[in-house]
Amino acid sequence: MNLIRAVLEKSGLSQMELARRIGCSRSTIQRMGRGYRDLSLKEITELADILGMTRIGFIRWIEQRERALALETGEKPQKSKGE
């Protein structure tokens, strides 16, 4: 599961509503979801706000999801910077 899909599920928003909330188009949300476009700091901040998290909390949530997914698929989890 990708990050945008996880945010959509956790927030209960549609792609269109998420796009409106962070100030971009639905096609931009789709490109982010497919990994064709990186998130800007502003977008990370907006997504964190939508989920009621700080930016640091949001990044930690992403890292936890990636580790859990890696464990589920048998891949070696990536270490965070500073570990």
Protein backbone atom coordinates (compact mmCIF):
# COMPACT_ATOMS: atom_id res chain seq x y z
CA MET A 1 0.00 0.00 0.00
CA ASN A 2 1.39 3.40 -0.88
CA LEU A 3 1.52 6.49 1.28
CA ILE A 4 -1.25 8.43 -0.46
CA ARG A 5 -3.61 5.46 -0.27
CA ALA A 6 -2.79 5.09 3.44
CA VAL A 7 -3.52 8.80 4.03
CA LEU A 8 -6.80 8.49 2.13
CA GLU A 9 -7.84 5.48 4.21
CA LYS A 10 -6.78 7.01 7.54
CA SER A 11 -8.42 10.37 6.79
CA GLY A 12 -11.54 9.02 5.07
CA LEU A 13 -11.12 11.61 2.30
CA SER A 14 -11.55 11.08 -1.42
CA GLN A 15 -8.72 11.89 -3.82
CA MET A 16 -10.58 15.02 -4.88
CA GLU A 17 -11.11 16.21 -1.31
CA LEU A 18 -7.49 15.48 -0.38
CA ALA A 19 -6.33 17.42 -3.44
CA ARG A 20 -8.52 20.38 -2.46
CA ARG A 21 -7.26 20.30 1.12
CA ILE A 22 -3.58 20.37 0.15
CA GLY A 23 -4.04 22.74 -2.78
CA CYS A 24 -3.32 20.59 -5.81
CA SER A 25 -5.20 18.72 -8.53
CA ARG A 26 -6.59 15.21 -8.33
CA SER A 27 -4.14 14.16 -11.05
CA THR A 28 -1.28 15.38 -8.84
CA ILE A 29 -2.59 13.17 -6.03
CA GLN A 30 -2.66 10.26 -8.47
CA ARG A 31 0.93 10.96 -9.60
CA MET A 32 2.06 11.10 -5.96
CA GLY A 33 0.27 7.84 -5.28
CA ARG A 34 2.02 6.13 -8.17
CA GLY A 35 5.41 7.45 -7.10
CA TYR A 36 5.81 9.71 -10.14
CA ARG A 37 6.00 12.83 -8.00
CA ASP A 38 7.66 13.50 -4.66
CA LEU A 39 5.90 15.36 -1.87
CA SER A 40 6.97 18.92 -1.10
CA LEU A 41 7.52 20.09 2.47
CA LYS A 42 4.27 22.06 2.21
CA GLU A 43 2.40 18.92 1.12
CA ILE A 44 3.95 16.87 3.92
CA THR A 45 2.86 19.54 6.38
CA GLU A 46 -0.67 19.59 4.95
CA LEU A 47 -0.95 15.80 5.07
CA ALA A 48 0.30 15.77 8.66
CA ASP A 49 -2.27 18.43 9.58
CA ILE A 50 -5.08 16.47 7.91
CA LEU A 51 -4.15 13.43 10.02
CA GLY A 52 -3.75 15.52 13.18
CA MET A 53 -0.01 14.87 13.38
CA THR A 54 3.12 16.96 13.54
CA ARG A 55 5.51 16.70 10.59
CA ILE A 56 7.85 14.58 12.72
CA GLY A 57 4.95 12.38 13.83
CA PHE A 58 3.87 11.99 10.20
CA ILE A 59 7.38 10.99 9.09
CA ARG A 60 7.61 8.49 11.96
CA TRP A 61 4.22 7.07 10.94
CA ILE A 62 5.54 6.64 7.38
CA GLU A 63 8.69 4.90 8.67
CA GLN A 64 6.64 2.56 10.88
CA ARG A 65 4.39 1.66 7.93
CA GLU A 66 7.40 0.96 5.72
CA ARG A 67 9.00 -1.24 8.37
CA ALA A 68 5.77 -3.18 8.92
CA LEU A 69 5.33 -3.67 5.18
CA ALA A 70 8.95 -4.82 4.81
CA LEU A 71 8.46 -7.36 7.60
CA GLU A 72 5.23 -8.62 6.00
CA THR A 73 6.93 -9.12 2.65
CA GLY A 74 10.12 -10.59 4.10
CA GLU A 75 12.30 -7.67 3.04
CA LYS A 76 14.93 -6.22 5.30
CA PRO A 77 13.57 -2.96 6.83
CA GLN A 78 15.54 0.15 5.96
CA LYS A 79 17.15 1.94 8.86
CA SER A 80 16.26 5.54 9.52
CA LYS A 81 18.93 8.18 9.55
CA GLY A 82 20.50 8.26 12.98
CA GLU A 83 19.95 4.56 13.73
